[in-house]
Amino acid sequence: MKKRYFILHLILMFYAIGGIFSKKAAMFPFLSLEYLGNYMIVLAILAVYAFFWQKMLKKFPLTAAMANKSVTVIWGIIFGSLFFDEKISIWNVIGAGIIILGICFVAASDKEQEICT
């Protein structure tokens, strides 16, 4: 079970990487070559993500998959700090903790899942 969750979170991390290229695209003039190149990468990431997300939906209850999808917010905080020198505030940390607790509550409500034990 934990291996499936690890794979799910890798897929969600990959999805969150699209945000890096989306933000990079916003740094360039609209429809410039750099802008279009970054958005082409975003579209490629979304296409790959959509394929694997559909595969994962077959292996998880929908409530568990959607609850775990909120982890992309945490990846956004991490990537923002690493790639764009954004500061991580105490509120970001508190919000990330609430997200993790929410995921654990959803996992605990489904007896089949043991991700937070």
Protein backbone atom coordinates (compact mmCIF):
# COMPACT_ATOMS: atom_id res chain seq x y z
CA MET A 1 0.00 0.00 0.00
CA LYS A 2 2.76 2.47 0.91
CA LYS A 3 4.47 1.86 -2.45
CA ARG A 4 1.30 2.97 -4.24
CA TYR A 5 1.20 6.14 -2.14
CA PHE A 6 4.85 6.82 -2.93
CA ILE A 7 4.11 6.51 -6.65
CA LEU A 8 1.02 8.72 -6.27
CA HIS A 9 3.10 11.41 -4.57
CA LEU A 10 5.78 11.22 -7.26
CA ILE A 11 3.08 11.81 -9.86
CA LEU A 12 1.73 14.76 -7.85
CA MET A 13 5.24 16.20 -7.48
CA PHE A 14 5.66 15.92 -11.25
CA TYR A 15 2.35 17.79 -11.67
CA ALA A 16 3.58 20.54 -9.33
CA ILE A 17 6.73 20.97 -11.43
CA GLY A 18 4.44 22.43 -14.09
CA GLY A 19 4.00 25.41 -11.78
CA ILE A 20 7.71 26.18 -12.05
CA PHE A 21 7.52 26.49 -15.82
CA SER A 22 4.23 28.37 -15.64
CA LYS A 23 5.79 30.98 -13.35
CA LYS A 24 8.90 31.14 -15.55
CA ALA A 25 6.69 31.76 -18.59
CA ALA A 26 5.10 34.73 -16.81
CA MET A 27 8.54 36.36 -16.63
CA PHE A 28 8.70 36.72 -20.41
CA PRO A 29 6.68 38.87 -22.83
CA PHE A 30 3.41 37.33 -23.95
CA LEU A 31 3.87 34.99 -26.96
CA SER A 32 7.65 35.41 -26.99
CA LEU A 33 9.71 32.32 -27.79
CA GLU A 34 10.64 31.85 -24.11
CA TYR A 35 7.00 32.25 -23.06
CA LEU A 36 5.79 29.70 -25.60
CA GLY A 37 8.63 27.29 -24.79
CA ASN A 38 7.80 27.29 -21.09
CA TYR A 39 4.11 26.79 -21.77
CA MET A 40 4.87 23.92 -24.14
CA ILE A 41 6.68 22.26 -21.24
CA VAL A 42 3.67 22.92 -18.99
CA LEU A 43 1.36 21.30 -21.56
CA ALA A 44 3.66 18.29 -21.89
CA ILE A 45 3.76 17.88 -18.10
CA LEU A 46 -0.04 18.10 -17.93
CA ALA A 47 -0.44 15.48 -20.65
CA VAL A 48 1.88 13.02 -18.91
CA TYR A 49 0.33 13.79 -15.54
CA ALA A 50 -3.22 13.26 -16.86
CA PHE A 51 -2.28 9.82 -18.18
CA PHE A 52 -0.75 8.66 -14.89
CA TRP A 53 -3.43 10.34 -12.76
CA GLN A 54 -6.07 8.28 -14.56
CA LYS A 55 -4.04 5.12 -13.88
CA MET A 56 -3.79 6.00 -10.18
CA LEU A 57 -7.52 6.70 -9.88
CA LYS A 58 -8.09 3.02 -10.62
CA LYS A 59 -5.98 2.04 -7.60
CA PHE A 60 -7.34 4.47 -4.98
CA PRO A 61 -10.71 5.52 -3.64
CA LEU A 62 -11.53 8.90 -5.15
CA THR A 63 -11.62 10.58 -1.73
CA ALA A 64 -8.10 9.38 -0.96
CA ALA A 65 -6.71 10.41 -4.34
CA MET A 66 -8.24 13.89 -4.14
CA ALA A 67 -7.14 14.40 -0.54
CA ASN A 68 -3.58 13.49 -1.48
CA LYS A 69 -3.70 15.87 -4.45
CA SER A 70 -3.64 18.75 -1.97
CA VAL A 71 0.03 17.91 -1.36
CA THR A 72 0.76 19.86 -4.55
CA VAL A 73 0.33 23.02 -2.45
CA ILE A 74 3.25 21.87 -0.30
CA TRP A 75 5.33 21.19 -3.41
CA GLY A 76 4.45 24.69 -4.60
CA ILE A 77 5.80 26.17 -1.37
CA ILE A 78 8.99 24.12 -1.65
CA PHE A 79 9.54 24.86 -5.34
CA GLY A 80 8.80 28.56 -4.82
CA SER A 81 11.50 28.69 -2.19
CA LEU A 82 14.04 26.68 -4.19
CA PHE A 83 13.57 28.21 -7.62
CA PHE A 84 12.23 31.71 -6.98
CA ASP A 85 13.71 32.62 -3.58
CA GLU A 86 10.26 32.95 -2.06
CA LYS A 87 10.26 32.98 1.72
CA ILE A 88 8.54 30.22 3.67
CA SER A 89 6.55 31.81 6.47
CA ILE A 90 5.25 30.25 9.64
CA TRP A 91 1.80 30.40 8.01
CA ASN A 92 3.08 28.30 5.12
CA VAL A 93 4.37 25.72 7.59
CA ILE A 94 1.10 25.73 9.55
CA GLY A 95 -0.88 25.37 6.30
CA ALA A 96 1.34 22.48 5.18
CA GLY A 97 0.78 20.79 8.53
CA ILE A 98 -2.98 21.17 8.18
CA ILE A 99 -2.81 19.64 4.69
CA ILE A 100 -0.81 16.67 5.99
CA LEU A 101 -3.24 16.19 8.89
CA GLY A 102 -6.16 16.30 6.45
CA ILE A 103 -4.56 13.64 4.29
CA CYS A 104 -4.00 11.47 7.37
CA PHE A 105 -7.61 11.91 8.49
CA VAL A 106 -8.91 10.84 5.11
CA ALA A 107 -6.50 7.88 5.08
CA ALA A 108 -7.55 6.89 8.60
CA SER A 109 -11.21 6.95 7.60
CA ASP A 110 -10.55 4.24 5.03
CA LYS A 111 -9.51 1.07 6.86
CA GLU A 112 -7.65 -0.19 3.80
CA GLN A 113 -5.19 2.71 3.87
CA GLU A 114 -2.26 2.75 6.28
CA ILE A 115 -0.24 5.69 5.00
CA CYS A 116 -0.20 7.65 8.27
CA THR A 117 0.42 4.78 10.69
